[in-house]
Amino acid sequence: MTKKLDTEHLDEIQQLREEFAKNTNILGNIVLEQYATESRLKTIDLEKQRYLDQFENLQKQESALLEKMRERYGEGQIDIAEGTFTPTA
């Protein structure tokens, strides 16, 4: 035998269903935001690594240039603004 639910209980069930739907929607948005953020962080990490690799390459170039200059000029100080070299005494 089928019984009719009280309006009060029916309202409570409907309210819970609406809260579940709202909660599920919010959780879905959070997951999508998290995915987008993680994706952006991966992009940033790749870009950071590219610049770190470039930095390391520049350091190697600098070391090679300094070695070449030491071979030519000896030990001393370089004044880039004046374009001069002062040997170490």
PDB file of N, CA and C in Angstrom:
ATOM      1  N   MET A   1       0.843  -1.180   0.000  1.00  0.00           N
ATOM      2  CA  MET A   1       0.000   0.000   0.000  1.00  0.00           C
ATOM      3  C   MET A   1       0.891   1.248   0.000  1.00  0.00           C
ATOM      4  N   THR A   2       0.623   2.141  -0.874  1.00  0.00           N
ATOM      5  CA  THR A   2       1.391   3.362  -1.036  1.00  0.00           C
ATOM      6  C   THR A   2       0.869   4.426  -0.086  1.00  0.00           C
ATOM      7  N   LYS A   3       1.811   5.114   0.569  1.00  0.00           N
ATOM      8  CA  LYS A   3       1.443   6.197   1.470  1.00  0.00           C
ATOM      9  C   LYS A   3       1.997   7.499   0.915  1.00  0.00           C
ATOM     10  N   LYS A   4       1.292   8.528   1.099  1.00  0.00           N
ATOM     11  CA  LYS A   4       1.698   9.875   0.670  1.00  0.00           C
ATOM     12  C   LYS A   4       2.629  10.452   1.734  1.00  0.00           C
ATOM     13  N   LEU A   5       3.749  11.032   1.260  1.00  0.00           N
ATOM     14  CA  LEU A   5       4.701  11.659   2.182  1.00  0.00           C
ATOM     15  C   LEU A   5       4.135  12.982   2.685  1.00  0.00           C
ATOM     16  N   ASP A   6       4.518  13.294   3.921  1.00  0.00           N
ATOM     17  CA  ASP A   6       4.140  14.600   4.458  1.00  0.00           C
ATOM     18  C   ASP A   6       4.865  15.677   3.669  1.00  0.00           C
ATOM     19  N   THR A   7       4.236  16.823   3.528  1.00  0.00           N
ATOM     20  CA  THR A   7       4.831  17.960   2.824  1.00  0.00           C
ATOM     21  C   THR A   7       6.145  18.353   3.476  1.00  0.00           C
ATOM     22  N   GLU A   8       6.195  18.295   4.778  1.00  0.00           N
ATOM     23  CA  GLU A   8       7.410  18.651   5.517  1.00  0.00           C
ATOM     24  C   GLU A   8       8.575  17.746   5.107  1.00  0.00           C
ATOM     25  N   HIS A   9       8.351  16.443   5.045  1.00  0.00           N
ATOM     26  CA  HIS A   9       9.403  15.503   4.661  1.00  0.00           C
ATOM     27  C   HIS A   9       9.781  15.677   3.185  1.00  0.00           C
ATOM     28  N   LEU A  10       8.787  15.880   2.375  1.00  0.00           N
ATOM     29  CA  LEU A  10       9.032  16.093   0.943  1.00  0.00           C
ATOM     30  C   LEU A  10       9.878  17.347   0.728  1.00  0.00           C
ATOM     31  N   ASP A  11       9.595  18.408   1.470  1.00  0.00           N
ATOM     32  CA  ASP A  11      10.377  19.650   1.392  1.00  0.00           C
ATOM     33  C   ASP A  11      11.815  19.420   1.849  1.00  0.00           C
ATOM     34  N   GLU A  12      11.968  18.648   2.926  1.00  0.00           N
ATOM     35  CA  GLU A  12      13.320  18.361   3.427  1.00  0.00           C
ATOM     36  C   GLU A  12      14.128  17.579   2.398  1.00  0.00           C
ATOM     37  N   ILE A  13      13.501  16.597   1.784  1.00  0.00           N
ATOM     38  CA  ILE A  13      14.187  15.804   0.750  1.00  0.00           C
ATOM     39  C   ILE A  13      14.587  16.700  -0.420  1.00  0.00           C
ATOM     40  N   GLN A  14      13.680  17.545  -0.851  1.00  0.00           N
ATOM     41  CA  GLN A  14      13.969  18.455  -1.959  1.00  0.00           C
ATOM     42  C   GLN A  14      15.107  19.414  -1.605  1.00  0.00           C
ATOM     43  N   GLN A  15      15.093  19.916  -0.383  1.00  0.00           N
ATOM     44  CA  GLN A  15      16.144  20.830   0.060  1.00  0.00           C
ATOM     45  C   GLN A  15      17.502  20.109   0.073  1.00  0.00           C
ATOM     46  N   LEU A  16      17.521  18.871   0.572  1.00  0.00           N
ATOM     47  CA  LEU A  16      18.769  18.101   0.570  1.00  0.00           C
ATOM     48  C   LEU A  16      19.270  17.867  -0.854  1.00  0.00           C
ATOM     49  N   ARG A  17      18.382  17.526  -1.764  1.00  0.00           N
ATOM     50  CA  ARG A  17      18.772  17.303  -3.162  1.00  0.00           C
ATOM     51  C   ARG A  17      19.354  18.570  -3.784  1.00  0.00           C
ATOM     52  N   GLU A  18      18.755  19.705  -3.460  1.00  0.00           N
ATOM     53  CA  GLU A  18      19.281  20.976  -3.967  1.00  0.00           C
ATOM     54  C   GLU A  18      20.661  21.266  -3.393  1.00  0.00           C
ATOM     55  N   GLU A  19      20.852  20.967  -2.106  1.00  0.00           N
ATOM     56  CA  GLU A  19      22.151  21.172  -1.469  1.00  0.00           C
ATOM     57  C   GLU A  19      23.200  20.230  -2.060  1.00  0.00           C
ATOM     58  N   PHE A  20      22.824  18.976  -2.307  1.00  0.00           N
ATOM     59  CA  PHE A  20      23.740  18.036  -2.962  1.00  0.00           C
ATOM     60  C   PHE A  20      24.133  18.547  -4.351  1.00  0.00           C
ATOM     61  N   ALA A  21      23.165  19.019  -5.107  1.00  0.00           N
ATOM     62  CA  ALA A  21      23.447  19.525  -6.458  1.00  0.00           C
ATOM     63  C   ALA A  21      24.368  20.735  -6.389  1.00  0.00           C
ATOM     64  N   LYS A  22      24.109  21.643  -5.458  1.00  0.00           N
ATOM     65  CA  LYS A  22      24.942  22.834  -5.282  1.00  0.00           C
ATOM     66  C   LYS A  22      26.356  22.425  -4.892  1.00  0.00           C
ATOM     67  N   ASN A  23      26.464  21.514  -3.939  1.00  0.00           N
ATOM     68  CA  ASN A  23      27.756  21.031  -3.468  1.00  0.00           C
ATOM     69  C   ASN A  23      28.543  20.361  -4.602  1.00  0.00           C
ATOM     70  N   THR A  24      27.872  19.528  -5.367  1.00  0.00           N
ATOM     71  CA  THR A  24      28.509  18.843  -6.495  1.00  0.00           C
ATOM     72  C   THR A  24      28.995  19.844  -7.528  1.00  0.00           C
ATOM     73  N   ASN A  25      28.228  20.851  -7.791  1.00  0.00           N
ATOM     74  CA  ASN A  25      28.613  21.894  -8.744  1.00  0.00           C
ATOM     75  C   ASN A  25      29.859  22.639  -8.260  1.00  0.00           C
ATOM     76  N   ILE A  26      29.870  22.996  -6.981  1.00  0.00           N
ATOM     77  CA  ILE A  26      31.020  23.706  -6.408  1.00  0.00           C
ATOM     78  C   ILE A  26      32.264  22.821  -6.460  1.00  0.00           C
ATOM     79  N   LEU A  27      32.116  21.544  -6.084  1.00  0.00           N
ATOM     80  CA  LEU A  27      33.254  20.623  -6.141  1.00  0.00           C
ATOM     81  C   LEU A  27      33.781  20.485  -7.566  1.00  0.00           C
ATOM     82  N   GLY A  28      32.876  20.423  -8.518  1.00  0.00           N
ATOM     83  CA  GLY A  28      33.286  20.350  -9.926  1.00  0.00           C
ATOM     84  C   GLY A  28      34.079  21.575 -10.336  1.00  0.00           C
ATOM     85  N   ASN A  29      33.630  22.732  -9.920  1.00  0.00           N
ATOM     86  CA  ASN A  29      34.354  23.973 -10.236  1.00  0.00           C
ATOM     87  C   ASN A  29      35.735  23.988  -9.587  1.00  0.00           C
ATOM     88  N   ILE A  30      35.814  23.501  -8.357  1.00  0.00           N
ATOM     89  CA  ILE A  30      37.103  23.444  -7.661  1.00  0.00           C
ATOM     90  C   ILE A  30      38.068  22.520  -8.407  1.00  0.00           C
ATOM     91  N   VAL A  31      37.582  21.367  -8.815  1.00  0.00           N
ATOM     92  CA  VAL A  31      38.429  20.420  -9.549  1.00  0.00           C
ATOM     93  C   VAL A  31      38.911  21.044 -10.854  1.00  0.00           C
ATOM     94  N   LEU A  32      38.043  21.742 -11.563  1.00  0.00           N
ATOM     95  CA  LEU A  32      38.452  22.392 -12.811  1.00  0.00           C
ATOM     96  C   LEU A  32      39.463  23.502 -12.560  1.00  0.00           C
ATOM     97  N   GLU A  33      39.267  24.274 -11.502  1.00  0.00           N
ATOM     98  CA  GLU A  33      40.234  25.318 -11.150  1.00  0.00           C
ATOM     99  C   GLU A  33      41.580  24.697 -10.794  1.00  0.00           C
ATOM    100  N   GLN A  34      41.541  23.604 -10.049  1.00  0.00           N
ATOM    101  CA  GLN A  34      42.769  22.914  -9.661  1.00  0.00           C
ATOM    102  C   GLN A  34      43.492  22.391 -10.903  1.00  0.00           C
ATOM    103  N   TYR A  35      42.757  21.808 -11.817  1.00  0.00           N
ATOM    104  CA  TYR A  35      43.344  21.304 -13.062  1.00  0.00           C
ATOM    105  C   TYR A  35      44.006  22.443 -13.842  1.00  0.00           C
ATOM    106  N   ALA A  36      43.305  23.548 -13.975  1.00  0.00           N
ATOM    107  CA  ALA A  36      43.848  24.695 -14.713  1.00  0.00           C
ATOM    108  C   ALA A  36      45.096  25.238 -14.013  1.00  0.00           C
ATOM    109  N   THR A  37      45.065  25.301 -12.687  1.00  0.00           N
ATOM    110  CA  THR A  37      46.214  25.797 -11.930  1.00  0.00           C
ATOM    111  C   THR A  37      47.407  24.863 -12.086  1.00  0.00           C
ATOM    112  N   GLU A  38      47.181  23.558 -11.973  1.00  0.00           N
ATOM    113  CA  GLU A  38      48.259  22.594 -12.136  1.00  0.00           C
ATOM    114  C   GLU A  38      48.840  22.654 -13.544  1.00  0.00           C
ATOM    115  N   SER A  39      47.980  22.840 -14.516  1.00  0.00           N
ATOM    116  CA  SER A  39      48.436  22.966 -15.902  1.00  0.00           C
ATOM    117  C   SER A  39      49.313  24.202 -16.066  1.00  0.00           C
ATOM    118  N   ARG A  40      48.883  25.303 -15.478  1.00  0.00           N
ATOM    119  CA  ARG A  40      49.663  26.546 -15.547  1.00  0.00           C
ATOM    120  C   ARG A  40      51.002  26.381 -14.827  1.00  0.00           C
ATOM    121  N   LEU A  41      51.003  25.684 -13.680  1.00  0.00           N
ATOM    122  CA  LEU A  41      52.245  25.445 -12.949  1.00  0.00           C
ATOM    123  C   LEU A  41      53.217  24.601 -13.771  1.00  0.00           C
ATOM    124  N   LYS A  42      52.710  23.628 -14.506  1.00  0.00           N
ATOM    125  CA  LYS A  42      53.577  22.832 -15.383  1.00  0.00           C
ATOM    126  C   LYS A  42      54.209  23.715 -16.449  1.00  0.00           C
ATOM    127  N   THR A  43      53.406  24.609 -17.018  1.00  0.00           N
ATOM    128  CA  THR A  43      53.923  25.536 -18.023  1.00  0.00           C
ATOM    129  C   THR A  43      54.990  26.438 -17.424  1.00  0.00           C
ATOM    130  N   ILE A  44      54.741  26.930 -16.224  1.00  0.00           N
ATOM    131  CA  ILE A  44      55.710  27.790 -15.533  1.00  0.00           C
ATOM    132  C   ILE A  44      56.993  27.011 -15.250  1.00  0.00           C
ATOM    133  N   ASP A  45      56.865  25.764 -14.798  1.00  0.00           N
ATOM    134  CA  ASP A  45      58.050  24.948 -14.522  1.00  0.00           C
ATOM    135  C   ASP A  45      58.881  24.730 -15.782  1.00  0.00           C
ATOM    136  N   LEU A  46      58.224  24.473 -16.898  1.00  0.00           N
ATOM    137  CA  LEU A  46      58.948  24.294 -18.158  1.00  0.00           C
ATOM    138  C   LEU A  46      59.675  25.573 -18.555  1.00  0.00           C
ATOM    139  N   GLU A  47      58.995  26.695 -18.412  1.00  0.00           N
ATOM    140  CA  GLU A  47      59.600  27.984 -18.744  1.00  0.00           C
ATOM    141  C   GLU A  47      60.771  28.283 -17.805  1.00  0.00           C
ATOM    142  N   LYS A  48      60.591  28.000 -16.522  1.00  0.00           N
ATOM    143  CA  LYS A  48      61.659  28.212 -15.549  1.00  0.00           C
ATOM    144  C   LYS A  48      62.872  27.364 -15.911  1.00  0.00           C
ATOM    145  N   GLN A  49      62.642  26.100 -16.259  1.00  0.00           N
ATOM    146  CA  GLN A  49      63.747  25.211 -16.606  1.00  0.00           C
ATOM    147  C   GLN A  49      64.478  25.707 -17.848  1.00  0.00           C
ATOM    148  N   ARG A  50      63.736  26.235 -18.803  1.00  0.00           N
ATOM    149  CA  ARG A  50      64.344  26.771 -20.015  1.00  0.00           C
ATOM    150  C   ARG A  50      65.292  27.916 -19.666  1.00  0.00           C
ATOM    151  N   TYR A  51      64.863  28.801 -18.776  1.00  0.00           N
ATOM    152  CA  TYR A  51      65.708  29.930 -18.391  1.00  0.00           C
ATOM    153  C   TYR A  51      66.872  29.495 -17.494  1.00  0.00           C
ATOM    154  N   LEU A  52      66.670  28.474 -16.672  1.00  0.00           N
ATOM    155  CA  LEU A  52      67.776  27.947 -15.881  1.00  0.00           C
ATOM    156  C   LEU A  52      68.833  27.316 -16.781  1.00  0.00           C
ATOM    157  N   ASP A  53      68.380  26.587 -17.806  1.00  0.00           N
ATOM    158  CA  ASP A  53      69.311  26.008 -18.774  1.00  0.00           C
ATOM    159  C   ASP A  53      70.068  27.109 -19.511  1.00  0.00           C
ATOM    160  N   GLN A  54      69.350  28.151 -19.888  1.00  0.00           N
ATOM    161  CA  GLN A  54      69.980  29.287 -20.578  1.00  0.00           C
ATOM    162  C   GLN A  54      70.987  29.973 -19.646  1.00  0.00           C
ATOM    163  N   PHE A  55      70.644  30.130 -18.372  1.00  0.00           N
ATOM    164  CA  PHE A  55      71.540  30.734 -17.392  1.00  0.00           C
ATOM    165  C   PHE A  55      72.829  29.918 -17.278  1.00  0.00           C
ATOM    166  N   GLU A  56      72.684  28.600 -17.198  1.00  0.00           N
ATOM    167  CA  GLU A  56      73.847  27.719 -17.103  1.00  0.00           C
ATOM    168  C   GLU A  56      74.721  27.851 -18.356  1.00  0.00           C
ATOM    169  N   ASN A  57      74.101  27.925 -19.509  1.00  0.00           N
ATOM    170  CA  ASN A  57      74.833  28.095 -20.763  1.00  0.00           C
ATOM    171  C   ASN A  57      75.583  29.430 -20.776  1.00  0.00           C
ATOM    172  N   LEU A  58      74.939  30.477 -20.296  1.00  0.00           N
ATOM    173  CA  LEU A  58      75.594  31.792 -20.237  1.00  0.00           C
ATOM    174  C   LEU A  58      76.801  31.757 -19.289  1.00  0.00           C
ATOM    175  N   GLN A  59      76.670  31.045 -18.179  1.00  0.00           N
ATOM    176  CA  GLN A  59      77.797  30.927 -17.257  1.00  0.00           C
ATOM    177  C   GLN A  59      78.975  30.225 -17.926  1.00  0.00           C
ATOM    178  N   LYS A  60      78.683  29.173 -18.696  1.00  0.00           N
ATOM    179  CA  LYS A  60      79.743  28.458 -19.411  1.00  0.00           C
ATOM    180  C   LYS A  60      80.404  29.373 -20.444  1.00  0.00           C
ATOM    181  N   GLN A  61      79.586  30.157 -21.156  1.00  0.00           N
ATOM    182  CA  GLN A  61      80.139  31.091 -22.139  1.00  0.00           C
ATOM    183  C   GLN A  61      81.027  32.129 -21.458  1.00  0.00           C
ATOM    184  N   GLU A  62      80.577  32.623 -20.302  1.00  0.00           N
ATOM    185  CA  GLU A  62      81.351  33.607 -19.565  1.00  0.00           C
ATOM    186  C   GLU A  62      82.688  33.020 -19.123  1.00  0.00           C
ATOM    187  N   SER A  63      82.657  31.799 -18.594  1.00  0.00           N
ATOM    188  CA  SER A  63      83.891  31.149 -18.151  1.00  0.00           C
ATOM    189  C   SER A  63      84.855  30.954 -19.311  1.00  0.00           C
ATOM    190  N   ALA A  64      84.329  30.531 -20.460  1.00  0.00           N
ATOM    191  CA  ALA A  64      85.178  30.331 -21.635  1.00  0.00           C
ATOM    192  C   ALA A  64      85.786  31.653 -22.088  1.00  0.00           C
ATOM    193  N   LEU A  65      85.015  32.727 -22.084  1.00  0.00           N
ATOM    194  CA  LEU A  65      85.516  34.037 -22.491  1.00  0.00           C
ATOM    195  C   LEU A  65      86.586  34.529 -21.520  1.00  0.00           C
ATOM    196  N   LEU A  66      86.348  34.379 -20.232  1.00  0.00           N
ATOM    197  CA  LEU A  66      87.329  34.808 -19.238  1.00  0.00           C
ATOM    198  C   LEU A  66      88.640  34.029 -19.392  1.00  0.00           C
ATOM    199  N   GLU A  67      88.535  32.747 -19.662  1.00  0.00           N
ATOM    200  CA  GLU A  67      89.736  31.938 -19.867  1.00  0.00           C
ATOM    201  C   GLU A  67      90.505  32.410 -21.102  1.00  0.00           C
ATOM    202  N   LYS A  68      89.796  32.685 -22.178  1.00  0.00           N
ATOM    203  CA  LYS A  68      90.427  33.187 -23.405  1.00  0.00           C
ATOM    204  C   LYS A  68      91.107  34.537 -23.146  1.00  0.00           C
ATOM    205  N   MET A  69      90.442  35.396 -22.373  1.00  0.00           N
ATOM    206  CA  MET A  69      91.019  36.708 -22.076  1.00  0.00           C
ATOM    207  C   MET A  69      92.237  36.580 -21.162  1.00  0.00           C
ATOM    208  N   ARG A  70      92.205  35.622 -20.194  1.00  0.00           N
ATOM    209  CA  ARG A  70      93.352  35.390 -19.326  1.00  0.00           C
ATOM    210  C   ARG A  70      94.562  34.948 -20.152  1.00  0.00           C
ATOM    211  N   GLU A  71      94.300  34.096 -21.134  1.00  0.00           N
ATOM    212  CA  GLU A  71      95.378  33.623 -21.999  1.00  0.00           C
ATOM    213  C   GLU A  71      96.004  34.784 -22.779  1.00  0.00           C
ATOM    214  N   ARG A  72      95.190  35.714 -23.192  1.00  0.00           N
ATOM    215  CA  ARG A  72      95.684  36.839 -23.991  1.00  0.00           C
ATOM    216  C   ARG A  72      96.275  37.968 -23.144  1.00  0.00           C
ATOM    217  N   TYR A  73      95.566  38.341 -22.062  1.00  0.00           N
ATOM    218  CA  TYR A  73      95.957  39.509 -21.284  1.00  0.00           C
ATOM    219  C   TYR A  73      96.635  39.168 -19.958  1.00  0.00           C
ATOM    220  N   GLY A  74      96.481  37.955 -19.477  1.00  0.00           N
ATOM    221  CA  GLY A  74      96.996  37.591 -18.158  1.00  0.00           C
ATOM    222  C   GLY A  74      95.964  37.916 -17.083  1.00  0.00           C
ATOM    223  N   GLU A  75      96.422  37.885 -15.829  1.00  0.00           N
ATOM    224  CA  GLU A  75      95.531  38.181 -14.702  1.00  0.00           C
ATOM    225  C   GLU A  75      95.418  39.692 -14.536  1.00  0.00           C
ATOM    226  N   GLY A  76      94.231  40.168 -14.179  1.00  0.00           N
ATOM    227  CA  GLY A  76      94.036  41.590 -13.967  1.00  0.00           C
ATOM    228  C   GLY A  76      92.572  41.949 -13.861  1.00  0.00           C
ATOM    229  N   GLN A  77      92.318  43.236 -13.999  1.00  0.00           N
ATOM    230  CA  GLN A  77      90.965  43.774 -13.869  1.00  0.00           C
ATOM    231  C   GLN A  77      90.509  44.361 -15.199  1.00  0.00           C
ATOM    232  N   ILE A  78      89.262  44.104 -15.528  1.00  0.00           N
ATOM    233  CA  ILE A  78      88.661  44.641 -16.746  1.00  0.00           C
ATOM    234  C   ILE A  78      87.689  45.744 -16.349  1.00  0.00           C
ATOM    235  N   ASP A  79      87.799  46.880 -17.038  1.00  0.00           N
ATOM    236  CA  ASP A  79      86.845  47.970 -16.864  1.00  0.00           C
ATOM    237  C   ASP A  79      86.032  48.039 -18.155  1.00  0.00           C
ATOM    238  N   ILE A  80      84.832  47.479 -18.112  1.00  0.00           N
ATOM    239  CA  ILE A  80      83.997  47.408 -19.312  1.00  0.00           C
ATOM    240  C   ILE A  80      83.608  48.799 -19.786  1.00  0.00           C
ATOM    241  N   ALA A  81      83.308  49.696 -18.860  1.00  0.00           N
ATOM    242  CA  ALA A  81      82.882  51.058 -19.230  1.00  0.00           C
ATOM    243  C   ALA A  81      83.988  51.785 -20.006  1.00  0.00           C
ATOM    244  N   GLU A  82      85.242  51.583 -19.574  1.00  0.00           N
ATOM    245  CA  GLU A  82      86.362  52.267 -20.229  1.00  0.00           C
ATOM    246  C   GLU A  82      86.964  51.414 -21.339  1.00  0.00           C
ATOM    247  N   GLY A  83      86.671  50.124 -21.324  1.00  0.00           N
ATOM    248  CA  GLY A  83      87.254  49.236 -22.332  1.00  0.00           C
ATOM    249  C   GLY A  83      88.739  49.026 -22.100  1.00  0.00           C
ATOM    250  N   THR A  84      89.134  48.957 -20.808  1.00  0.00           N
ATOM    251  CA  THR A  84      90.546  48.824 -20.482  1.00  0.00           C
ATOM    252  C   THR A  84      90.809  47.591 -19.621  1.00  0.00           C
ATOM    253  N   PHE A  85      92.079  47.190 -19.631  1.00  0.00           N
ATOM    254  CA  PHE A  85      92.536  46.068 -18.813  1.00  0.00           C
ATOM    255  C   PHE A  85      93.711  46.563 -17.986  1.00  0.00           C
ATOM    256  N   THR A  86      93.674  46.294 -16.688  1.00  0.00           N
ATOM    257  CA  THR A  86      94.763  46.663 -15.793  1.00  0.00           C
ATOM    258  C   THR A  86      95.346  45.370 -15.227  1.00  0.00           C
ATOM    259  N   PRO A  87      96.611  45.073 -15.592  1.00  0.00           N
ATOM    260  CA  PRO A  87      97.234  43.849 -15.092  1.00  0.00           C
ATOM    261  C   PRO A  87      97.402  43.854 -13.573  1.00  0.00           C
ATOM    262  N   THR A  88      97.341  42.673 -12.985  1.00  0.00           N
ATOM    263  CA  THR A  88      97.592  42.531 -11.550  1.00  0.00           C
ATOM    264  C   THR A  88      99.076  42.676 -11.321  1.00  0.00           C
ATOM    265  N   ALA A  89      99.441  43.464 -10.319  1.00  0.00           N
ATOM    266  CA  ALA A  89     100.868  43.751 -10.059  1.00  0.00           C
ATOM    267  C   ALA A  89     101.572  42.592  -9.435  1.00  0.00           C
TER     268      ALA A  89
END
